[in-house]
């Protein structure tokens, strides 16, 4: 009997499913570009406090989408596909349109959203996928 080689033992990747995760990232990026600007203004005894709740909400959705994509496909390719979709939508909405409009401006909250999102998304996409453990 001959050795089947490493190619026969390599798992097959569901490229169609991985390709469908890219638009999921696009949707998260599109919604996130507009939701990240939301904030609550709370009056406190010493003045007014602004609580930016949009950025953490989008980050949680992004991380859930990335880890969900990785677990769905059982490989990091799913996670990276969602992340690349989010990144493509975010970059497109951060660019100035021909009419001069911006969905993501250059303020501090927007830069925090962009840089924090890239750091969190790449970290989440790089995490290993848990293996199925047999029940003992």
N, C-alpha and C. Protein backbone atom coordinates (compact mmCIF):
# COMPACT_ATOMS: atom_id res chain seq x y z
N UNK A 1 0.84 -1.17 0.00
CA UNK A 1 0.00 0.00 0.00
C UNK A 1 0.89 1.24 0.00
N UNK A 2 0.54 2.23 -0.79
CA UNK A 2 1.37 3.42 -0.89
C UNK A 2 0.83 4.51 0.04
N UNK A 3 1.73 5.42 0.39
CA UNK A 3 1.38 6.54 1.25
C UNK A 3 0.58 7.56 0.43
N UNK A 4 -0.63 7.99 0.91
CA UNK A 4 -1.42 8.94 0.12
C UNK A 4 -0.82 10.33 0.06
N UNK A 5 0.12 10.65 0.95
CA UNK A 5 0.78 11.95 0.92
C UNK A 5 0.01 12.99 1.71
N UNK A 6 0.62 14.15 1.90
CA UNK A 6 -0.01 15.17 2.72
C UNK A 6 -1.25 15.80 2.08
N UNK A 7 -1.35 15.77 0.76
CA UNK A 7 -2.48 16.40 0.08
C UNK A 7 -3.79 15.67 0.39
N UNK A 8 -3.73 14.38 0.56
CA UNK A 8 -4.95 13.62 0.82
C UNK A 8 -5.48 13.86 2.23
N UNK A 9 -4.63 14.24 3.16
CA UNK A 9 -5.08 14.44 4.54
C UNK A 9 -5.48 15.88 4.82
N UNK A 10 -5.20 16.78 3.90
CA UNK A 10 -5.53 18.18 4.10
C UNK A 10 -7.06 18.38 3.98
N UNK A 11 -7.68 19.09 4.92
CA UNK A 11 -9.13 19.29 4.82
C UNK A 11 -9.47 20.22 3.65
N UNK A 12 -10.63 20.00 3.07
CA UNK A 12 -11.08 20.84 1.96
C UNK A 12 -11.69 22.11 2.52
N UNK A 13 -11.43 23.20 1.87
CA UNK A 13 -11.96 24.49 2.32
C UNK A 13 -13.22 24.81 1.51
N UNK A 14 -14.28 25.23 2.18
CA UNK A 14 -15.51 25.60 1.47
C UNK A 14 -15.40 27.02 0.91
N UNK A 15 -14.75 27.17 -0.23
CA UNK A 15 -14.47 28.50 -0.78
C UNK A 15 -15.73 29.29 -1.07
N UNK A 16 -16.81 28.62 -1.43
CA UNK A 16 -18.06 29.33 -1.68
C UNK A 16 -18.59 30.00 -0.42
N UNK A 17 -18.53 29.29 0.69
CA UNK A 17 -18.97 29.85 1.97
C UNK A 17 -18.05 30.97 2.43
N UNK A 18 -16.77 30.79 2.20
CA UNK A 18 -15.80 31.85 2.55
C UNK A 18 -16.09 33.11 1.73
N UNK A 19 -16.42 32.92 0.45
CA UNK A 19 -16.72 34.07 -0.41
C UNK A 19 -18.01 34.77 0.04
N UNK A 20 -18.96 34.03 0.62
CA UNK A 20 -20.20 34.65 1.10
C UNK A 20 -19.99 35.42 2.40
N UNK A 21 -18.92 35.16 3.10
CA UNK A 21 -18.65 35.89 4.34
C UNK A 21 -18.11 37.29 4.06
N UNK A 22 -17.53 37.51 2.89
CA UNK A 22 -17.03 38.84 2.53
C UNK A 22 -18.15 39.88 2.52
N UNK A 23 -19.32 39.59 1.89
CA UNK A 23 -20.41 40.57 1.96
C UNK A 23 -20.93 40.80 3.39
N UNK A 24 -20.81 39.80 4.25
CA UNK A 24 -21.20 40.00 5.64
C UNK A 24 -20.31 41.07 6.28
N UNK A 25 -19.03 41.04 5.97
CA UNK A 25 -18.12 42.07 6.45
C UNK A 25 -18.45 43.43 5.85
N UNK A 26 -18.86 43.43 4.58
CA UNK A 26 -19.26 44.69 3.94
C UNK A 26 -20.45 45.31 4.66
N UNK A 27 -21.41 44.49 5.05
CA UNK A 27 -22.60 44.99 5.74
C UNK A 27 -22.21 45.56 7.12
N UNK A 28 -21.33 44.86 7.84
CA UNK A 28 -20.89 45.36 9.14
C UNK A 28 -20.16 46.69 8.96
N UNK A 29 -19.32 46.79 7.94
CA UNK A 29 -18.60 48.04 7.68
C UNK A 29 -19.52 49.17 7.27
N UNK A 30 -20.51 48.87 6.45
CA UNK A 30 -21.46 49.89 6.00
C UNK A 30 -22.28 50.41 7.18
N UNK A 31 -22.83 49.50 7.97
CA UNK A 31 -23.61 49.92 9.13
C UNK A 31 -22.71 50.61 10.16
N UNK A 32 -21.52 50.09 10.35
CA UNK A 32 -20.61 50.64 11.35
C UNK A 32 -20.17 52.05 11.04
N UNK A 33 -20.06 52.40 9.77
CA UNK A 33 -19.63 53.75 9.41
C UNK A 33 -20.62 54.80 9.90
N UNK A 34 -21.89 54.42 9.99
CA UNK A 34 -22.89 55.38 10.43
C UNK A 34 -23.24 55.23 11.92
N UNK A 35 -23.18 54.03 12.45
CA UNK A 35 -23.52 53.80 13.85
C UNK A 35 -22.41 54.27 14.78
N UNK A 36 -21.17 54.23 14.34
CA UNK A 36 -20.05 54.58 15.22
C UNK A 36 -20.12 56.01 15.72
N UNK A 37 -20.84 56.87 15.06
CA UNK A 37 -20.91 58.28 15.46
C UNK A 37 -21.93 58.53 16.57
N UNK A 38 -22.75 57.53 16.91
CA UNK A 38 -23.79 57.74 17.92
C UNK A 38 -23.19 57.89 19.31
N UNK A 39 -23.81 58.74 20.08
CA UNK A 39 -23.36 58.96 21.44
C UNK A 39 -24.56 59.43 22.27
N UNK A 40 -24.43 59.27 23.55
CA UNK A 40 -25.47 59.73 24.47
C UNK A 40 -24.92 60.90 25.27
N UNK A 41 -25.73 61.90 25.47
CA UNK A 41 -25.35 63.06 26.26
C UNK A 41 -26.10 62.95 27.59
N UNK A 42 -25.35 62.85 28.66
CA UNK A 42 -25.92 62.66 29.99
C UNK A 42 -25.56 63.86 30.86
N UNK A 43 -26.58 64.41 31.49
CA UNK A 43 -26.32 65.51 32.41
C UNK A 43 -25.97 64.94 33.78
N UNK A 44 -24.85 65.39 34.31
CA UNK A 44 -24.38 64.98 35.63
C UNK A 44 -24.25 66.24 36.48
N UNK A 45 -24.16 66.10 37.80
CA UNK A 45 -24.11 67.30 38.66
C UNK A 45 -22.99 68.30 38.30
N UNK A 46 -21.90 67.84 37.75
CA UNK A 46 -20.79 68.75 37.45
C UNK A 46 -20.76 69.22 36.00
N UNK A 47 -21.78 68.86 35.20
CA UNK A 47 -21.84 69.32 33.82
C UNK A 47 -22.51 68.30 32.92
N UNK A 48 -21.96 68.17 31.73
CA UNK A 48 -22.50 67.25 30.74
C UNK A 48 -21.44 66.22 30.41
N UNK A 49 -21.85 64.95 30.32
CA UNK A 49 -20.93 63.86 29.98
C UNK A 49 -21.41 63.22 28.67
N UNK A 50 -20.51 63.07 27.74
CA UNK A 50 -20.82 62.46 26.46
C UNK A 50 -20.30 61.02 26.47
N UNK A 51 -21.19 60.08 26.23
CA UNK A 51 -20.83 58.66 26.24
C UNK A 51 -20.96 58.13 24.81
N UNK A 52 -19.83 57.86 24.13
CA UNK A 52 -19.89 57.35 22.75
C UNK A 52 -20.19 55.85 22.75
N UNK A 53 -21.44 55.48 22.53
CA UNK A 53 -21.83 54.07 22.57
C UNK A 53 -21.77 53.40 21.20
N UNK A 54 -21.65 54.14 20.14
CA UNK A 54 -21.65 53.56 18.80
C UNK A 54 -20.40 52.76 18.49
N UNK A 55 -19.24 53.27 18.87
CA UNK A 55 -17.97 52.59 18.57
C UNK A 55 -17.90 51.22 19.25
N UNK A 56 -18.15 51.11 20.56
CA UNK A 56 -18.09 49.77 21.16
C UNK A 56 -19.13 48.82 20.59
N UNK A 57 -20.30 49.34 20.22
CA UNK A 57 -21.34 48.48 19.63
C UNK A 57 -20.87 47.89 18.30
N UNK A 58 -20.27 48.71 17.47
CA UNK A 58 -19.78 48.22 16.18
C UNK A 58 -18.61 47.25 16.37
N UNK A 59 -17.74 47.54 17.33
CA UNK A 59 -16.62 46.63 17.59
C UNK A 59 -17.12 45.26 18.03
N UNK A 60 -18.14 45.23 18.88
CA UNK A 60 -18.70 43.94 19.32
C UNK A 60 -19.30 43.20 18.13
N UNK A 61 -20.03 43.91 17.27
CA UNK A 61 -20.61 43.27 16.08
C UNK A 61 -19.51 42.76 15.14
N UNK A 62 -18.45 43.53 15.00
CA UNK A 62 -17.34 43.13 14.14
C UNK A 62 -16.65 41.87 14.68
N UNK A 63 -16.37 41.86 15.98
CA UNK A 63 -15.71 40.70 16.57
C UNK A 63 -16.61 39.47 16.51
N UNK A 64 -17.90 39.65 16.74
CA UNK A 64 -18.83 38.52 16.65
C UNK A 64 -18.89 37.99 15.21
N UNK A 65 -18.90 38.88 14.24
CA UNK A 65 -18.91 38.44 12.84
C UNK A 65 -17.64 37.71 12.44
N UNK A 66 -16.51 38.21 12.89
CA UNK A 66 -15.23 37.58 12.56
C UNK A 66 -15.11 36.20 13.19
N UNK A 67 -15.39 36.12 14.49
CA UNK A 67 -15.29 34.81 15.16
C UNK A 67 -16.38 33.86 14.65
N UNK A 68 -17.56 34.38 14.36
CA UNK A 68 -18.62 33.55 13.80
C UNK A 68 -18.24 32.99 12.44
N UNK A 69 -17.61 33.82 11.62
CA UNK A 69 -17.15 33.35 10.31
C UNK A 69 -16.09 32.28 10.43
N UNK A 70 -15.19 32.45 11.39
CA UNK A 70 -14.13 31.45 11.60
C UNK A 70 -14.72 30.13 12.08
N UNK A 71 -15.67 30.19 13.01
CA UNK A 71 -16.27 28.96 13.53
C UNK A 71 -17.18 28.30 12.50
N UNK A 72 -17.83 29.11 11.66
CA UNK A 72 -18.71 28.54 10.65
C UNK A 72 -17.94 27.74 9.62
N UNK A 73 -16.81 28.27 9.19
CA UNK A 73 -16.01 27.61 8.15
C UNK A 73 -15.00 26.64 8.76
N UNK A 74 -14.73 26.80 10.06
CA UNK A 74 -13.74 25.98 10.78
C UNK A 74 -12.32 26.24 10.32
N UNK A 75 -12.07 27.46 9.86
CA UNK A 75 -10.73 27.88 9.46
C UNK A 75 -10.63 29.39 9.59
N UNK A 76 -9.42 29.90 9.67
CA UNK A 76 -9.22 31.35 9.78
C UNK A 76 -9.57 32.08 8.49
N UNK A 77 -9.66 31.36 7.40
CA UNK A 77 -10.04 32.01 6.14
C UNK A 77 -11.41 32.69 6.26
N UNK A 78 -12.32 32.09 7.00
CA UNK A 78 -13.63 32.71 7.21
C UNK A 78 -13.52 34.01 7.98
N UNK A 79 -12.67 34.02 9.00
CA UNK A 79 -12.47 35.24 9.80
C UNK A 79 -11.84 36.34 8.95
N UNK A 80 -10.83 36.00 8.19
CA UNK A 80 -10.16 37.01 7.37
C UNK A 80 -11.07 37.54 6.27
N UNK A 81 -11.97 36.69 5.78
CA UNK A 81 -12.91 37.14 4.75
C UNK A 81 -13.85 38.21 5.31
N UNK A 82 -14.38 37.99 6.52
CA UNK A 82 -15.24 39.00 7.15
C UNK A 82 -14.46 40.27 7.42
N UNK A 83 -13.24 40.12 7.91
CA UNK A 83 -12.43 41.30 8.22
C UNK A 83 -12.12 42.11 6.96
N UNK A 84 -11.79 41.44 5.88
CA UNK A 84 -11.49 42.16 4.64
C UNK A 84 -12.72 42.86 4.08
N UNK A 85 -13.90 42.26 4.25
CA UNK A 85 -15.13 42.92 3.84
C UNK A 85 -15.38 44.18 4.64
N UNK A 86 -15.19 44.09 5.97
CA UNK A 86 -15.35 45.27 6.82
C UNK A 86 -14.34 46.35 6.44
N UNK A 87 -13.11 45.95 6.22
CA UNK A 87 -12.06 46.91 5.89
C UNK A 87 -12.33 47.59 4.55
N UNK A 88 -12.79 46.83 3.56
CA UNK A 88 -13.09 47.41 2.25
C UNK A 88 -14.21 48.45 2.36
N UNK A 89 -15.28 48.11 3.08
CA UNK A 89 -16.38 49.07 3.24
C UNK A 89 -15.94 50.29 4.03
N UNK A 90 -15.15 50.09 5.07
CA UNK A 90 -14.71 51.20 5.91
C UNK A 90 -13.80 52.14 5.14
N UNK A 91 -12.89 51.59 4.37
CA UNK A 91 -11.99 52.45 3.58
C UNK A 91 -12.77 53.20 2.51
N UNK A 92 -13.72 52.52 1.87
CA UNK A 92 -14.52 53.18 0.84
C UNK A 92 -15.35 54.32 1.42
N UNK A 93 -15.88 54.14 2.64
CA UNK A 93 -16.70 55.18 3.25
C UNK A 93 -15.86 56.27 3.90
N UNK A 94 -14.59 56.02 4.14
CA UNK A 94 -13.70 57.05 4.69
C UNK A 94 -13.14 57.94 3.60
N UNK A 95 -13.25 57.51 2.35
CA UNK A 95 -12.75 58.31 1.24
C UNK A 95 -13.79 59.37 0.86
N UNK A 96 -13.31 60.48 0.39
CA UNK A 96 -14.21 61.56 0.00
C UNK A 96 -14.91 61.22 -1.31
N UNK A 97 -16.22 61.44 -1.35
CA UNK A 97 -16.99 61.17 -2.56
C UNK A 97 -16.83 62.34 -3.53
N UNK A 98 -17.24 62.17 -4.80
CA UNK A 98 -17.12 63.27 -5.75
C UNK A 98 -17.86 64.54 -5.32
N UNK A 99 -18.92 64.38 -4.53
CA UNK A 99 -19.66 65.56 -4.06
C UNK A 99 -19.03 66.19 -2.82
N UNK A 100 -17.99 65.55 -2.28
CA UNK A 100 -17.29 66.10 -1.13
C UNK A 100 -17.78 65.57 0.20
N UNK A 101 -18.70 64.60 0.18
CA UNK A 101 -19.24 64.06 1.42
C UNK A 101 -18.34 62.96 1.98
N UNK A 102 -18.38 62.83 3.29
CA UNK A 102 -17.64 61.78 4.00
C UNK A 102 -18.59 61.07 4.96
N UNK A 103 -18.55 59.75 4.99
CA UNK A 103 -19.30 59.01 6.01
C UNK A 103 -18.45 58.93 7.28
N UNK A 104 -17.16 58.80 7.13
CA UNK A 104 -16.22 58.77 8.26
C UNK A 104 -15.29 59.96 8.12
N UNK A 105 -15.42 60.90 9.02
CA UNK A 105 -14.56 62.08 8.95
C UNK A 105 -13.24 61.82 9.66
N UNK A 106 -12.46 62.83 9.86
CA UNK A 106 -11.13 62.67 10.44
C UNK A 106 -11.05 63.01 11.91
N UNK A 107 -12.16 62.92 12.66
CA UNK A 107 -12.15 63.26 14.07
C UNK A 107 -11.53 62.18 14.93
N UNK A 108 -11.38 62.47 16.21
CA UNK A 108 -10.77 61.53 17.14
C UNK A 108 -11.55 60.25 17.31
N UNK A 109 -12.90 60.36 17.39
CA UNK A 109 -13.73 59.17 17.53
C UNK A 109 -13.63 58.28 16.29
N UNK A 110 -13.58 58.88 15.13
CA UNK A 110 -13.49 58.12 13.89
C UNK A 110 -12.13 57.42 13.76
N UNK A 111 -11.08 58.12 14.15
CA UNK A 111 -9.75 57.49 14.10
C UNK A 111 -9.64 56.35 15.12
N UNK A 112 -10.27 56.54 16.28
CA UNK A 112 -10.31 55.46 17.27
C UNK A 112 -11.06 54.26 16.72
N UNK A 113 -12.18 54.53 16.04
CA UNK A 113 -12.96 53.46 15.42
C UNK A 113 -12.13 52.72 14.37
N UNK A 114 -11.46 53.45 13.51
CA UNK A 114 -10.67 52.82 12.45
C UNK A 114 -9.49 52.03 12.99
N UNK A 115 -8.65 52.68 13.79
CA UNK A 115 -7.44 52.01 14.29
C UNK A 115 -7.78 50.89 15.27
N UNK A 116 -8.70 51.17 16.18
CA UNK A 116 -9.12 50.14 17.13
C UNK A 116 -9.78 48.97 16.43
N UNK A 117 -10.58 49.26 15.40
CA UNK A 117 -11.23 48.19 14.65
C UNK A 117 -10.24 47.31 13.91
N UNK A 118 -9.23 47.92 13.32
CA UNK A 118 -8.21 47.14 12.62
C UNK A 118 -7.43 46.26 13.59
N UNK A 119 -7.07 46.82 14.74
CA UNK A 119 -6.30 46.05 15.73
C UNK A 119 -7.14 44.90 16.29
N UNK A 120 -8.38 45.21 16.71
CA UNK A 120 -9.24 44.16 17.26
C UNK A 120 -9.60 43.10 16.22
N UNK A 121 -9.89 43.54 14.99
CA UNK A 121 -10.28 42.59 13.95
C UNK A 121 -9.13 41.67 13.57
N UNK A 122 -7.93 42.21 13.43
CA UNK A 122 -6.80 41.35 13.07
C UNK A 122 -6.46 40.39 14.21
N UNK A 123 -6.61 40.85 15.44
CA UNK A 123 -6.37 39.95 16.57
C UNK A 123 -7.41 38.83 16.61
N UNK A 124 -8.68 39.19 16.40
CA UNK A 124 -9.74 38.18 16.42
C UNK A 124 -9.62 37.20 15.26
N UNK A 125 -9.19 37.69 14.10
CA UNK A 125 -9.03 36.81 12.94
C UNK A 125 -7.82 35.89 13.09
N UNK A 126 -6.86 36.28 13.91
CA UNK A 126 -5.66 35.47 14.09
C UNK A 126 -5.80 34.40 15.16
N UNK A 127 -6.83 34.50 16.00
CA UNK A 127 -7.00 33.50 17.05
C UNK A 127 -7.22 32.12 16.46
N UNK A 128 -6.73 31.09 17.12
CA UNK A 128 -6.94 29.73 16.60
C UNK A 128 -8.39 29.30 16.72
N UNK A 129 -8.75 28.36 15.88
CA UNK A 129 -10.10 27.79 15.90
C UNK A 129 -10.11 26.62 16.87
N UNK A 130 -11.07 26.57 17.82
CA UNK A 130 -11.09 25.43 18.74
C UNK A 130 -11.40 24.14 18.00
N UNK A 131 -10.69 23.11 18.34
CA UNK A 131 -10.91 21.80 17.72
C UNK A 131 -12.04 21.09 18.44
N UNK A 132 -12.74 20.24 17.71
CA UNK A 132 -13.79 19.43 18.33
C UNK A 132 -13.14 18.36 19.20
N UNK A 133 -13.48 18.40 20.47
CA UNK A 133 -12.93 17.43 21.40
C UNK A 133 -13.96 16.33 21.63
N UNK A 134 -13.52 15.08 21.61
CA UNK A 134 -14.48 13.99 21.89
C UNK A 134 -14.93 14.04 23.34
N UNK A 135 -16.21 13.73 23.55
CA UNK A 135 -16.75 13.72 24.90
C UNK A 135 -16.31 12.44 25.59
N UNK A 136 -15.74 12.58 26.80
CA UNK A 136 -15.27 11.36 27.49
C UNK A 136 -16.15 11.02 28.66
